[in-house]
Amino acid sequence: MSSNVNKIFEQQIEQITAPARKFAELALSHAEKVSAFQTEVARDYILMGVGYAKEAAAIDSPESLQKWLSGRSNAVQSVGKRVGDDVQTFLGYGREYAEQTSKLTREQIETVSKTVDRAA
């Protein structure tokens, strides 16, 4: 009988802690994805900035200055597009996280409702 009571107790503990574990796993997964993305984006922007600085440092004549200045409009457009794409990606991560947490919440509400119905 003691074994049976222990098994029931373990099942109840599992049912109580499962939602918290699922939410924690989701939060950690989201944090990992977002921080990896932020690290990648920061690295890319740093490399772009260093590249532009190296190009500027290589200016040694009026012609090279003119060439460098004419390339800035393309650089501004590409950076602007990249920023827009990165913002959309980041917002997508937020939407995905919100959808997943809503799904988990609905699942937990259903589980609790079923448990309450069985207990009644």
PDB file of N, CA and C in Angstrom:
ATOM      1  N   MET A   1       0.813  -1.189   0.000  1.00  0.00           N
ATOM      2  CA  MET A   1       0.000   0.000   0.000  1.00  0.00           C
ATOM      3  C   MET A   1       0.862   1.261   0.000  1.00  0.00           C
ATOM      4  N   SER A   2       1.943   1.226   0.755  1.00  0.00           N
ATOM      5  CA  SER A   2       2.852   2.364   0.807  1.00  0.00           C
ATOM      6  C   SER A   2       3.404   2.677  -0.578  1.00  0.00           C
ATOM      7  N   SER A   3       3.699   1.645  -1.330  1.00  0.00           N
ATOM      8  CA  SER A   3       4.208   1.809  -2.683  1.00  0.00           C
ATOM      9  C   SER A   3       3.169   2.491  -3.568  1.00  0.00           C
ATOM     10  N   ASN A   4       1.922   2.100  -3.412  1.00  0.00           N
ATOM     11  CA  ASN A   4       0.835   2.683  -4.174  1.00  0.00           C
ATOM     12  C   ASN A   4       0.642   4.158  -3.822  1.00  0.00           C
ATOM     13  N   VAL A   5       0.707   4.486  -2.553  1.00  0.00           N
ATOM     14  CA  VAL A   5       0.587   5.873  -2.100  1.00  0.00           C
ATOM     15  C   VAL A   5       1.729   6.709  -2.665  1.00  0.00           C
ATOM     16  N   ASN A   6       2.944   6.161  -2.628  1.00  0.00           N
ATOM     17  CA  ASN A   6       4.097   6.871  -3.182  1.00  0.00           C
ATOM     18  C   ASN A   6       3.925   7.128  -4.674  1.00  0.00           C
ATOM     19  N   LYS A   7       3.414   6.144  -5.387  1.00  0.00           N
ATOM     20  CA  LYS A   7       3.207   6.298  -6.827  1.00  0.00           C
ATOM     21  C   LYS A   7       2.175   7.388  -7.109  1.00  0.00           C
ATOM     22  N   ILE A   8       1.087   7.378  -6.346  1.00  0.00           N
ATOM     23  CA  ILE A   8       0.057   8.414  -6.510  1.00  0.00           C
ATOM     24  C   ILE A   8       0.634   9.785  -6.186  1.00  0.00           C
ATOM     25  N   PHE A   9       1.417   9.873  -5.126  1.00  0.00           N
ATOM     26  CA  PHE A   9       2.049  11.135  -4.743  1.00  0.00           C
ATOM     27  C   PHE A   9       2.983  11.621  -5.854  1.00  0.00           C
ATOM     28  N   GLU A  10       3.775  10.723  -6.425  1.00  0.00           N
ATOM     29  CA  GLU A  10       4.687  11.089  -7.524  1.00  0.00           C
ATOM     30  C   GLU A  10       3.911  11.593  -8.734  1.00  0.00           C
ATOM     31  N   GLN A  11       2.810  10.943  -9.040  1.00  0.00           N
ATOM     32  CA  GLN A  11       1.977  11.374 -10.168  1.00  0.00           C
ATOM     33  C   GLN A  11       1.401  12.768  -9.925  1.00  0.00           C
ATOM     34  N   GLN A  12       0.965  13.009  -8.701  1.00  0.00           N
ATOM     35  CA  GLN A  12       0.413  14.326  -8.379  1.00  0.00           C
ATOM     36  C   GLN A  12       1.486  15.406  -8.465  1.00  0.00           C
ATOM     37  N   ILE A  13       2.676  15.095  -7.975  1.00  0.00           N
ATOM     38  CA  ILE A  13       3.793  16.055  -8.060  1.00  0.00           C
ATOM     39  C   ILE A  13       4.120  16.329  -9.524  1.00  0.00           C
ATOM     40  N   GLU A  14       4.121  15.291 -10.317  1.00  0.00           N
ATOM     41  CA  GLU A  14       4.384  15.442 -11.753  1.00  0.00           C
ATOM     42  C   GLU A  14       3.337  16.340 -12.396  1.00  0.00           C
ATOM     43  N   GLN A  15       2.072  16.119 -12.077  1.00  0.00           N
ATOM     44  CA  GLN A  15       1.004  16.935 -12.640  1.00  0.00           C
ATOM     45  C   GLN A  15       1.107  18.390 -12.204  1.00  0.00           C
ATOM     46  N   ILE A  16       1.528  18.598 -10.970  1.00  0.00           N
ATOM     47  CA  ILE A  16       1.641  19.964 -10.448  1.00  0.00           C
ATOM     48  C   ILE A  16       2.827  20.700 -11.064  1.00  0.00           C
ATOM     49  N   THR A  17       3.948  20.017 -11.225  1.00  0.00           N
ATOM     50  CA  THR A  17       5.171  20.681 -11.690  1.00  0.00           C
ATOM     51  C   THR A  17       5.332  20.687 -13.203  1.00  0.00           C
ATOM     52  N   ALA A  18       4.612  19.841 -13.919  1.00  0.00           N
ATOM     53  CA  ALA A  18       4.759  19.766 -15.380  1.00  0.00           C
ATOM     54  C   ALA A  18       4.529  21.109 -16.074  1.00  0.00           C
ATOM     55  N   PRO A  19       3.474  21.846 -15.744  1.00  0.00           N
ATOM     56  CA  PRO A  19       3.264  23.132 -16.412  1.00  0.00           C
ATOM     57  C   PRO A  19       4.425  24.109 -16.188  1.00  0.00           C
ATOM     58  N   ALA A  20       4.917  24.168 -14.977  1.00  0.00           N
ATOM     59  CA  ALA A  20       6.027  25.085 -14.692  1.00  0.00           C
ATOM     60  C   ALA A  20       7.273  24.685 -15.480  1.00  0.00           C
ATOM     61  N   ARG A  21       7.524  23.389 -15.575  1.00  0.00           N
ATOM     62  CA  ARG A  21       8.677  22.924 -16.344  1.00  0.00           C
ATOM     63  C   ARG A  21       8.526  23.268 -17.822  1.00  0.00           C
ATOM     64  N   LYS A  22       7.320  23.079 -18.357  1.00  0.00           N
ATOM     65  CA  LYS A  22       7.082  23.397 -19.768  1.00  0.00           C
ATOM     66  C   LYS A  22       7.301  24.883 -20.034  1.00  0.00           C
ATOM     67  N   PHE A  23       6.769  25.724 -19.146  1.00  0.00           N
ATOM     68  CA  PHE A  23       6.961  27.166 -19.316  1.00  0.00           C
ATOM     69  C   PHE A  23       8.440  27.540 -19.180  1.00  0.00           C
ATOM     70  N   ALA A  24       9.138  26.935 -18.235  1.00  0.00           N
ATOM     71  CA  ALA A  24      10.566  27.219 -18.055  1.00  0.00           C
ATOM     72  C   ALA A  24      11.372  26.782 -19.281  1.00  0.00           C
ATOM     73  N   GLU A  25      11.054  25.620 -19.805  1.00  0.00           N
ATOM     74  CA  GLU A  25      11.755  25.149 -21.014  1.00  0.00           C
ATOM     75  C   GLU A  25      11.500  26.084 -22.183  1.00  0.00           C
ATOM     76  N   LEU A  26      10.257  26.521 -22.325  1.00  0.00           N
ATOM     77  CA  LEU A  26       9.917  27.451 -23.400  1.00  0.00           C
ATOM     78  C   LEU A  26      10.653  28.781 -23.226  1.00  0.00           C
ATOM     79  N   ALA A  27      10.662  29.304 -22.012  1.00  0.00           N
ATOM     80  CA  ALA A  27      11.343  30.575 -21.753  1.00  0.00           C
ATOM     81  C   ALA A  27      12.840  30.472 -22.011  1.00  0.00           C
ATOM     82  N   LEU A  28      13.442  29.371 -21.578  1.00  0.00           N
ATOM     83  CA  LEU A  28      14.876  29.186 -21.817  1.00  0.00           C
ATOM     84  C   LEU A  28      15.179  29.042 -23.297  1.00  0.00           C
ATOM     85  N   SER A  29      14.361  28.304 -23.999  1.00  0.00           N
ATOM     86  CA  SER A  29      14.546  28.139 -25.437  1.00  0.00           C
ATOM     87  C   SER A  29      14.441  29.489 -26.146  1.00  0.00           C
ATOM     88  N   HIS A  30      13.433  30.271 -25.756  1.00  0.00           N
ATOM     89  CA  HIS A  30      13.249  31.595 -26.352  1.00  0.00           C
ATOM     90  C   HIS A  30      14.441  32.505 -26.039  1.00  0.00           C
ATOM     91  N   ALA A  31      14.879  32.501 -24.807  1.00  0.00           N
ATOM     92  CA  ALA A  31      16.020  33.347 -24.417  1.00  0.00           C
ATOM     93  C   ALA A  31      17.272  32.942 -25.184  1.00  0.00           C
ATOM     94  N   GLU A  32      17.467  31.651 -25.348  1.00  0.00           N
ATOM     95  CA  GLU A  32      18.635  31.170 -26.095  1.00  0.00           C
ATOM     96  C   GLU A  32      18.572  31.629 -27.556  1.00  0.00           C
ATOM     97  N   LYS A  33      17.393  31.488 -28.171  1.00  0.00           N
ATOM     98  CA  LYS A  33      17.227  31.879 -29.569  1.00  0.00           C
ATOM     99  C   LYS A  33      17.443  33.383 -29.748  1.00  0.00           C
ATOM    100  N   VAL A  34      16.848  34.175 -28.861  1.00  0.00           N
ATOM    101  CA  VAL A  34      16.955  35.631 -28.963  1.00  0.00           C
ATOM    102  C   VAL A  34      18.389  36.093 -28.712  1.00  0.00           C
ATOM    103  N   SER A  35      19.042  35.531 -27.697  1.00  0.00           N
ATOM    104  CA  SER A  35      20.415  35.973 -27.412  1.00  0.00           C
ATOM    105  C   SER A  35      21.373  35.541 -28.519  1.00  0.00           C
ATOM    106  N   ALA A  36      21.165  34.377 -29.128  1.00  0.00           N
ATOM    107  CA  ALA A  36      21.999  33.961 -30.255  1.00  0.00           C
ATOM    108  C   ALA A  36      21.799  34.908 -31.438  1.00  0.00           C
ATOM    109  N   PHE A  37      20.551  35.293 -31.677  1.00  0.00           N
ATOM    110  CA  PHE A  37      20.249  36.237 -32.751  1.00  0.00           C
ATOM    111  C   PHE A  37      20.890  37.592 -32.483  1.00  0.00           C
ATOM    112  N   GLN A  38      20.752  38.077 -31.255  1.00  0.00           N
ATOM    113  CA  GLN A  38      21.337  39.377 -30.906  1.00  0.00           C
ATOM    114  C   GLN A  38      22.859  39.349 -31.041  1.00  0.00           C
ATOM    115  N   THR A  39      23.466  38.256 -30.638  1.00  0.00           N
ATOM    116  CA  THR A  39      24.919  38.138 -30.756  1.00  0.00           C
ATOM    117  C   THR A  39      25.344  38.169 -32.212  1.00  0.00           C
ATOM    118  N   GLU A  40      24.629  37.424 -33.044  1.00  0.00           N
ATOM    119  CA  GLU A  40      24.939  37.386 -34.474  1.00  0.00           C
ATOM    120  C   GLU A  40      24.779  38.768 -35.109  1.00  0.00           C
ATOM    121  N   VAL A  41      23.671  39.431 -34.777  1.00  0.00           N
ATOM    122  CA  VAL A  41      23.402  40.754 -35.341  1.00  0.00           C
ATOM    123  C   VAL A  41      24.463  41.757 -34.885  1.00  0.00           C
ATOM    124  N   ALA A  42      24.806  41.735 -33.613  1.00  0.00           N
ATOM    125  CA  ALA A  42      25.826  42.655 -33.102  1.00  0.00           C
ATOM    126  C   ALA A  42      27.156  42.429 -33.814  1.00  0.00           C
ATOM    127  N   ARG A  43      27.532  41.163 -33.972  1.00  0.00           N
ATOM    128  CA  ARG A  43      28.785  40.845 -34.666  1.00  0.00           C
ATOM    129  C   ARG A  43      28.754  41.377 -36.095  1.00  0.00           C
ATOM    130  N   ASP A  44      27.649  41.144 -36.796  1.00  0.00           N
ATOM    131  CA  ASP A  44      27.540  41.599 -38.183  1.00  0.00           C
ATOM    132  C   ASP A  44      27.622  43.122 -38.295  1.00  0.00           C
ATOM    133  N   TYR A  45      26.934  43.829 -37.388  1.00  0.00           N
ATOM    134  CA  TYR A  45      26.977  45.298 -37.440  1.00  0.00           C
ATOM    135  C   TYR A  45      28.375  45.820 -37.098  1.00  0.00           C
ATOM    136  N   ILE A  46      29.034  45.172 -36.170  1.00  0.00           N
ATOM    137  CA  ILE A  46      30.409  45.575 -35.844  1.00  0.00           C
ATOM    138  C   ILE A  46      31.314  45.374 -37.049  1.00  0.00           C
ATOM    139  N   LEU A  47      31.188  44.224 -37.701  1.00  0.00           N
ATOM    140  CA  LEU A  47      32.012  43.958 -38.887  1.00  0.00           C
ATOM    141  C   LEU A  47      31.713  44.948 -40.010  1.00  0.00           C
ATOM    142  N   MET A  48      30.441  45.306 -40.178  1.00  0.00           N
ATOM    143  CA  MET A  48      30.097  46.316 -41.190  1.00  0.00           C
ATOM    144  C   MET A  48      30.760  47.649 -40.852  1.00  0.00           C
ATOM    145  N   GLY A  49      30.634  48.061 -39.599  1.00  0.00           N
ATOM    146  CA  GLY A  49      31.217  49.334 -39.181  1.00  0.00           C
ATOM    147  C   GLY A  49      32.721  49.360 -39.348  1.00  0.00           C
ATOM    148  N   VAL A  50      33.382  48.269 -38.968  1.00  0.00           N
ATOM    149  CA  VAL A  50      34.835  48.184 -39.127  1.00  0.00           C
ATOM    150  C   VAL A  50      35.201  48.232 -40.606  1.00  0.00           C
ATOM    151  N   GLY A  51      34.407  47.531 -41.440  1.00  0.00           N
ATOM    152  CA  GLY A  51      34.662  47.553 -42.887  1.00  0.00           C
ATOM    153  C   GLY A  51      34.552  48.957 -43.456  1.00  0.00           C
ATOM    154  N   TYR A  52      33.498  49.677 -43.044  1.00  0.00           N
ATOM    155  CA  TYR A  52      33.327  51.051 -43.518  1.00  0.00           C
ATOM    156  C   TYR A  52      34.467  51.943 -43.024  1.00  0.00           C
ATOM    157  N   ALA A  53      34.899  51.733 -41.790  1.00  0.00           N
ATOM    158  CA  ALA A  53      36.007  52.532 -41.246  1.00  0.00           C
ATOM    159  C   ALA A  53      37.300  52.235 -42.000  1.00  0.00           C
ATOM    160  N   LYS A  54      37.542  50.977 -42.336  1.00  0.00           N
ATOM    161  CA  LYS A  54      38.740  50.630 -43.108  1.00  0.00           C
ATOM    162  C   LYS A  54      38.707  51.264 -44.490  1.00  0.00           C
ATOM    163  N   GLU A  55      37.533  51.245 -45.110  1.00  0.00           N
ATOM    164  CA  GLU A  55      37.392  51.893 -46.417  1.00  0.00           C
ATOM    165  C   GLU A  55      37.691  53.385 -46.305  1.00  0.00           C
ATOM    166  N   ALA A  56      37.171  54.017 -45.271  1.00  0.00           N
ATOM    167  CA  ALA A  56      37.405  55.453 -45.080  1.00  0.00           C
ATOM    168  C   ALA A  56      38.875  55.723 -44.799  1.00  0.00           C
ATOM    169  N   ALA A  57      39.510  54.842 -44.042  1.00  0.00           N
ATOM    170  CA  ALA A  57      40.929  55.036 -43.722  1.00  0.00           C
ATOM    171  C   ALA A  57      41.817  54.868 -44.950  1.00  0.00           C
ATOM    172  N   ALA A  58      41.320  54.171 -45.954  1.00  0.00           N
ATOM    173  CA  ALA A  58      42.108  53.932 -47.164  1.00  0.00           C
ATOM    174  C   ALA A  58      42.010  55.081 -48.171  1.00  0.00           C
ATOM    175  N   ILE A  59      41.201  56.089 -47.863  1.00  0.00           N
ATOM    176  CA  ILE A  59      41.065  57.232 -48.771  1.00  0.00           C
ATOM    177  C   ILE A  59      42.400  57.967 -48.825  1.00  0.00           C
ATOM    178  N   ASP A  60      42.924  58.086 -50.025  1.00  0.00           N
ATOM    179  CA  ASP A  60      44.231  58.745 -50.167  1.00  0.00           C
ATOM    180  C   ASP A  60      44.278  59.727 -51.324  1.00  0.00           C
ATOM    181  N   SER A  61      43.135  59.965 -51.947  1.00  0.00           N
ATOM    182  CA  SER A  61      43.105  60.915 -53.054  1.00  0.00           C
ATOM    183  C   SER A  61      41.684  61.441 -53.220  1.00  0.00           C
ATOM    184  N   PRO A  62      41.533  62.528 -53.935  1.00  0.00           N
ATOM    185  CA  PRO A  62      40.184  63.031 -54.190  1.00  0.00           C
ATOM    186  C   PRO A  62      39.319  61.995 -54.934  1.00  0.00           C
ATOM    187  N   GLU A  63      39.947  61.226 -55.810  1.00  0.00           N
ATOM    188  CA  GLU A  63      39.202  60.208 -56.562  1.00  0.00           C
ATOM    189  C   GLU A  63      38.702  59.098 -55.632  1.00  0.00           C
ATOM    190  N   SER A  64      39.564  58.661 -54.721  1.00  0.00           N
ATOM    191  CA  SER A  64      39.140  57.605 -53.803  1.00  0.00           C
ATOM    192  C   SER A  64      38.080  58.132 -52.834  1.00  0.00           C
ATOM    193  N   LEU A  65      38.159  59.399 -52.466  1.00  0.00           N
ATOM    194  CA  LEU A  65      37.131  60.011 -51.638  1.00  0.00           C
ATOM    195  C   LEU A  65      35.795  60.029 -52.375  1.00  0.00           C
ATOM    196  N   GLN A  66      35.839  60.440 -53.647  1.00  0.00           N
ATOM    197  CA  GLN A  66      34.628  60.473 -54.457  1.00  0.00           C
ATOM    198  C   GLN A  66      34.024  59.075 -54.592  1.00  0.00           C
ATOM    199  N   LYS A  67      34.878  58.084 -54.817  1.00  0.00           N
ATOM    200  CA  LYS A  67      34.413  56.697 -54.940  1.00  0.00           C
ATOM    201  C   LYS A  67      33.787  56.238 -53.618  1.00  0.00           C
ATOM    202  N   TRP A  68      34.439  56.563 -52.519  1.00  0.00           N
ATOM    203  CA  TRP A  68      33.933  56.163 -51.212  1.00  0.00           C
ATOM    204  C   TRP A  68      32.583  56.823 -50.939  1.00  0.00           C
ATOM    205  N   LEU A  69      32.473  58.118 -51.231  1.00  0.00           N
ATOM    206  CA  LEU A  69      31.220  58.842 -50.999  1.00  0.00           C
ATOM    207  C   LEU A  69      30.090  58.307 -51.875  1.00  0.00           C
ATOM    208  N   SER A  70      30.403  57.950 -53.118  1.00  0.00           N
ATOM    209  CA  SER A  70      29.345  57.425 -53.990  1.00  0.00           C
ATOM    210  C   SER A  70      28.862  56.051 -53.519  1.00  0.00           C
ATOM    211  N   GLY A  71      29.707  55.306 -52.836  1.00  0.00           N
ATOM    212  CA  GLY A  71      29.313  53.999 -52.314  1.00  0.00           C
ATOM    213  C   GLY A  71      28.485  54.080 -51.045  1.00  0.00           C
ATOM    214  N   ARG A  72      28.450  55.247 -50.402  1.00  0.00           N
ATOM    215  CA  ARG A  72      27.714  55.385 -49.147  1.00  0.00           C
ATOM    216  C   ARG A  72      26.208  55.212 -49.333  1.00  0.00           C
ATOM    217  N   SER A  73      25.657  55.663 -50.460  1.00  0.00           N
ATOM    218  CA  SER A  73      24.204  55.512 -50.646  1.00  0.00           C
ATOM    219  C   SER A  73      23.829  54.028 -50.708  1.00  0.00           C
ATOM    220  N   ASN A  74      24.650  53.229 -51.373  1.00  0.00           N
ATOM    221  CA  ASN A  74      24.393  51.780 -51.395  1.00  0.00           C
ATOM    222  C   ASN A  74      24.539  51.190 -49.993  1.00  0.00           C
ATOM    223  N   ALA A  75      25.541  51.669 -49.270  1.00  0.00           N
ATOM    224  CA  ALA A  75      25.763  51.162 -47.908  1.00  0.00           C
ATOM    225  C   ALA A  75      24.583  51.509 -47.009  1.00  0.00           C
ATOM    226  N   VAL A  76      24.092  52.731 -47.123  1.00  0.00           N
ATOM    227  CA  VAL A  76      22.954  53.162 -46.302  1.00  0.00           C
ATOM    228  C   VAL A  76      21.717  52.323 -46.634  1.00  0.00           C
ATOM    229  N   GLN A  77      21.499  52.064 -47.922  1.00  0.00           N
ATOM    230  CA  GLN A  77      20.354  51.247 -48.319  1.00  0.00           C
ATOM    231  C   GLN A  77      20.475  49.820 -47.793  1.00  0.00           C
ATOM    232  N   SER A  78      21.663  49.248 -47.899  1.00  0.00           N
ATOM    233  CA  SER A  78      21.824  47.868 -47.439  1.00  0.00           C
ATOM    234  C   SER A  78      21.704  47.765 -45.918  1.00  0.00           C
ATOM    235  N   VAL A  79      22.246  48.750 -45.210  1.00  0.00           N
ATOM    236  CA  VAL A  79      22.118  48.747 -43.754  1.00  0.00           C
ATOM    237  C   VAL A  79      20.650  48.956 -43.362  1.00  0.00           C
ATOM    238  N   GLY A  80      19.973  49.845 -44.030  1.00  0.00           N
ATOM    239  CA  GLY A  80      18.553  50.078 -43.744  1.00  0.00           C
ATOM    240  C   GLY A  80      17.719  48.830 -43.969  1.00  0.00           C
ATOM    241  N   LYS A  81      17.986  48.135 -45.068  1.00  0.00           N
ATOM    242  CA  LYS A  81      17.266  46.883 -45.337  1.00  0.00           C
ATOM    243  C   LYS A  81      17.586  45.845 -44.269  1.00  0.00           C
ATOM    244  N   ARG A  82      18.850  45.760 -43.903  1.00  0.00           N
ATOM    245  CA  ARG A  82      19.259  44.774 -42.891  1.00  0.00           C
ATOM    246  C   ARG A  82      18.586  45.073 -41.548  1.00  0.00           C
ATOM    247  N   VAL A  83      18.547  46.327 -41.155  1.00  0.00           N
ATOM    248  CA  VAL A  83      17.903  46.700 -39.892  1.00  0.00           C
ATOM    249  C   VAL A  83      16.427  46.318 -39.931  1.00  0.00           C
ATOM    250  N   GLY A  84      15.763  46.623 -41.051  1.00  0.00           N
ATOM    251  CA  GLY A  84      14.344  46.270 -41.179  1.00  0.00           C
ATOM    252  C   GLY A  84      14.127  44.767 -41.091  1.00  0.00           C
ATOM    253  N   ASP A  85      14.964  44.001 -41.781  1.00  0.00           N
ATOM    254  CA  ASP A  85      14.858  42.535 -41.728  1.00  0.00           C
ATOM    255  C   ASP A  85      15.104  42.009 -40.313  1.00  0.00           C
ATOM    256  N   ASP A  86      16.109  42.577 -39.647  1.00  0.00           N
ATOM    257  CA  ASP A  86      16.429  42.131 -38.286  1.00  0.00           C
ATOM    258  C   ASP A  86      15.298  42.442 -37.311  1.00  0.00           C
ATOM    259  N   VAL A  87      14.682  43.594 -37.472  1.00  0.00           N
ATOM    260  CA  VAL A  87      13.556  43.956 -36.608  1.00  0.00           C
ATOM    261  C   VAL A  87      12.405  42.982 -36.831  1.00  0.00           C
ATOM    262  N   GLN A  88      12.117  42.665 -38.088  1.00  0.00           N
ATOM    263  CA  GLN A  88      11.041  41.717 -38.385  1.00  0.00           C
ATOM    264  C   GLN A  88      11.335  40.337 -37.798  1.00  0.00           C
ATOM    265  N   THR A  89      12.570  39.896 -37.893  1.00  0.00           N
ATOM    266  CA  THR A  89      12.954  38.611 -37.316  1.00  0.00           C
ATOM    267  C   THR A  89      12.748  38.631 -35.810  1.00  0.00           C
ATOM    268  N   PHE A  90      13.210  39.688 -35.176  1.00  0.00           N
ATOM    269  CA  PHE A  90      13.085  39.813 -33.727  1.00  0.00           C
ATOM    270  C   PHE A  90      11.613  39.830 -33.298  1.00  0.00           C
ATOM    271  N   LEU A  91      10.798  40.579 -34.029  1.00  0.00           N
ATOM    272  CA  LEU A  91       9.364  40.625 -33.716  1.00  0.00           C
ATOM    273  C   LEU A  91       8.723  39.261 -33.934  1.00  0.00           C
ATOM    274  N   GLY A  92       9.192  38.536 -34.937  1.00  0.00           N
ATOM    275  CA  GLY A  92       8.690  37.192 -35.186  1.00  0.00           C
ATOM    276  C   GLY A  92       8.969  36.265 -34.016  1.00  0.00           C
ATOM    277  N   TYR A  93      10.148  36.407 -33.417  1.00  0.00           N
ATOM    278  CA  TYR A  93      10.466  35.600 -32.229  1.00  0.00           C
ATOM    279  C   TYR A  93       9.482  35.907 -31.099  1.00  0.00           C
ATOM    280  N   GLY A  94       9.148  37.173 -30.936  1.00  0.00           N
ATOM    281  CA  GLY A  94       8.198  37.565 -29.897  1.00  0.00           C
ATOM    282  C   GLY A  94       6.814  37.000 -30.161  1.00  0.00           C
ATOM    283  N   ARG A  95       6.365  37.075 -31.416  1.00  0.00           N
ATOM    284  CA  ARG A  95       5.054  36.519 -31.764  1.00  0.00           C
ATOM    285  C   ARG A  95       5.028  35.008 -31.531  1.00  0.00           C
ATOM    286  N   GLU A  96       6.088  34.343 -31.946  1.00  0.00           N
ATOM    287  CA  GLU A  96       6.176  32.891 -31.767  1.00  0.00           C
ATOM    288  C   GLU A  96       6.108  32.517 -30.280  1.00  0.00           C
ATOM    289  N   TYR A  97       6.840  33.264 -29.465  1.00  0.00           N
ATOM    290  CA  TYR A  97       6.840  33.015 -28.019  1.00  0.00           C
ATOM    291  C   TYR A  97       5.440  33.236 -27.434  1.00  0.00           C
ATOM    292  N   ALA A  98       4.794  34.304 -27.849  1.00  0.00           N
ATOM    293  CA  ALA A  98       3.443  34.597 -27.349  1.00  0.00           C
ATOM    294  C   ALA A  98       2.471  33.489 -27.752  1.00  0.00           C
ATOM    295  N   GLU A  99       2.576  33.019 -28.985  1.00  0.00           N
ATOM    296  CA  GLU A  99       1.694  31.937 -29.437  1.00  0.00           C
ATOM    297  C   GLU A  99       1.941  30.657 -28.637  1.00  0.00           C
ATOM    298  N   GLN A 100       3.206  30.346 -28.405  1.00  0.00           N
ATOM    299  CA  GLN A 100       3.528  29.125 -27.666  1.00  0.00           C
ATOM    300  C   GLN A 100       3.080  29.211 -26.210  1.00  0.00           C
ATOM    301  N   THR A 101       3.252  30.374 -25.583  1.00  0.00           N
ATOM    302  CA  THR A 101       2.798  30.507 -24.194  1.00  0.00           C
ATOM    303  C   THR A 101       1.270  30.449 -24.113  1.00  0.00           C
ATOM    304  N   SER A 102       0.589  31.026 -25.101  1.00  0.00           N
ATOM    305  CA  SER A 102      -0.875  30.947 -25.127  1.00  0.00           C
ATOM    306  C   SER A 102      -1.328  29.503 -25.282  1.00  0.00           C
ATOM    307  N   LYS A 103      -0.652  28.768 -26.138  1.00  0.00           N
ATOM    308  CA  LYS A 103      -0.996  27.356 -26.339  1.00  0.00           C
ATOM    309  C   LYS A 103      -0.796  26.572 -25.040  1.00  0.00           C
ATOM    310  N   LEU A 104       0.347  26.791 -24.380  1.00  0.00           N
ATOM    311  CA  LEU A 104       0.593  26.106 -23.107  1.00  0.00           C
ATOM    312  C   LEU A 104      -0.452  26.487 -22.065  1.00  0.00           C
ATOM    313  N   THR A 105      -0.830  27.734 -22.024  1.00  0.00           N
ATOM    314  CA  THR A 105      -1.829  28.193 -21.059  1.00  0.00           C
ATOM    315  C   THR A 105      -3.171  27.509 -21.322  1.00  0.00           C
ATOM    316  N   ARG A 106      -3.569  27.452 -22.604  1.00  0.00           N
ATOM    317  CA  ARG A 106      -4.829  26.769 -22.936  1.00  0.00           C
ATOM    318  C   ARG A 106      -4.773  25.299 -22.531  1.00  0.00           C
ATOM    319  N   GLU A 107      -3.644  24.652 -22.807  1.00  0.00           N
ATOM    320  CA  GLU A 107      -3.497  23.242 -22.426  1.00  0.00           C
ATOM    321  C   GLU A 107      -3.628  23.062 -20.911  1.00  0.00           C
ATOM    322  N   GLN A 108      -3.024  23.967 -20.167  1.00  0.00           N
ATOM    323  CA  GLN A 108      -3.076  23.857 -18.706  1.00  0.00           C
ATOM    324  C   GLN A 108      -4.473  24.113 -18.173  1.00  0.00           C
ATOM    325  N   ILE A 109      -5.181  25.036 -18.796  1.00  0.00           N
ATOM    326  CA  ILE A 109      -6.562  25.294 -18.384  1.00  0.00           C
ATOM    327  C   ILE A 109      -7.420  24.055 -18.626  1.00  0.00           C
ATOM    328  N   GLU A 110      -7.216  23.420 -19.777  1.00  0.00           N
ATOM    329  CA  GLU A 110      -7.970  22.191 -20.074  1.00  0.00           C
ATOM    330  C   GLU A 110      -7.630  21.088 -19.074  1.00  0.00           C
ATOM    331  N   THR A 111      -6.351  20.955 -18.748  1.00  0.00           N
ATOM    332  CA  THR A 111      -5.921  19.928 -17.795  1.00  0.00           C
ATOM    333  C   THR A 111      -6.532  20.171 -16.425  1.00  0.00           C
ATOM    334  N   VAL A 112      -6.484  21.407 -15.973  1.00  0.00           N
ATOM    335  CA  VAL A 112      -7.049  21.748 -14.668  1.00  0.00           C
ATOM    336  C   VAL A 112      -8.556  21.521 -14.670  1.00  0.00           C
ATOM    337  N   SER A 113      -9.229  21.894 -15.752  1.00  0.00           N
ATOM    338  CA  SER A 113     -10.677  21.702 -15.840  1.00  0.00           C
ATOM    339  C   SER A 113     -11.037  20.221 -15.754  1.00  0.00           C
ATOM    340  N   LYS A 114     -10.277  19.395 -16.458  1.00  0.00           N
ATOM    341  CA  LYS A 114     -10.531  17.950 -16.424  1.00  0.00           C
ATOM    342  C   LYS A 114     -10.285  17.390 -15.022  1.00  0.00           C
ATOM    343  N   THR A 115      -9.231  17.879 -14.397  1.00  0.00           N
ATOM    344  CA  THR A 115      -8.917  17.419 -13.031  1.00  0.00           C
ATOM    345  C   THR A 115     -10.018  17.809 -12.061  1.00  0.00           C
ATOM    346  N   VAL A 116     -10.510  19.038 -12.180  1.00  0.00           N
ATOM    347  CA  VAL A 116     -11.579  19.513 -11.306  1.00  0.00           C
ATOM    348  C   VAL A 116     -12.855  18.724 -11.560  1.00  0.00           C
ATOM    349  N   ASP A 117     -13.161  18.451 -12.842  1.00  0.00           N
ATOM    350  CA  ASP A 117     -14.346  17.671 -13.175  1.00  0.00           C
ATOM    351  C   ASP A 117     -14.274  16.261 -12.589  1.00  0.00           C
ATOM    352  N   ARG A 118     -13.085  15.651 -12.660  1.00  0.00           N
ATOM    353  CA  ARG A 118     -12.919  14.302 -12.108  1.00  0.00           C
ATOM    354  C   ARG A 118     -13.055  14.308 -10.587  1.00  0.00           C
ATOM    355  N   ALA A 119     -12.569  15.369  -9.949  1.00  0.00           N
ATOM    356  CA  ALA A 119     -12.611  15.442  -8.493  1.00  0.00           C
ATOM    357  C   ALA A 119     -14.030  15.712  -7.979  1.00  0.00           C
ATOM    358  N   ALA A 120     -14.834  16.336  -8.811  1.00  0.00           N
ATOM    359  CA  ALA A 120     -16.186  16.707  -8.360  1.00  0.00           C
ATOM    360  C   ALA A 120     -17.156  15.576  -8.367  1.00  0.00           C
TER     361      ALA A 120
END
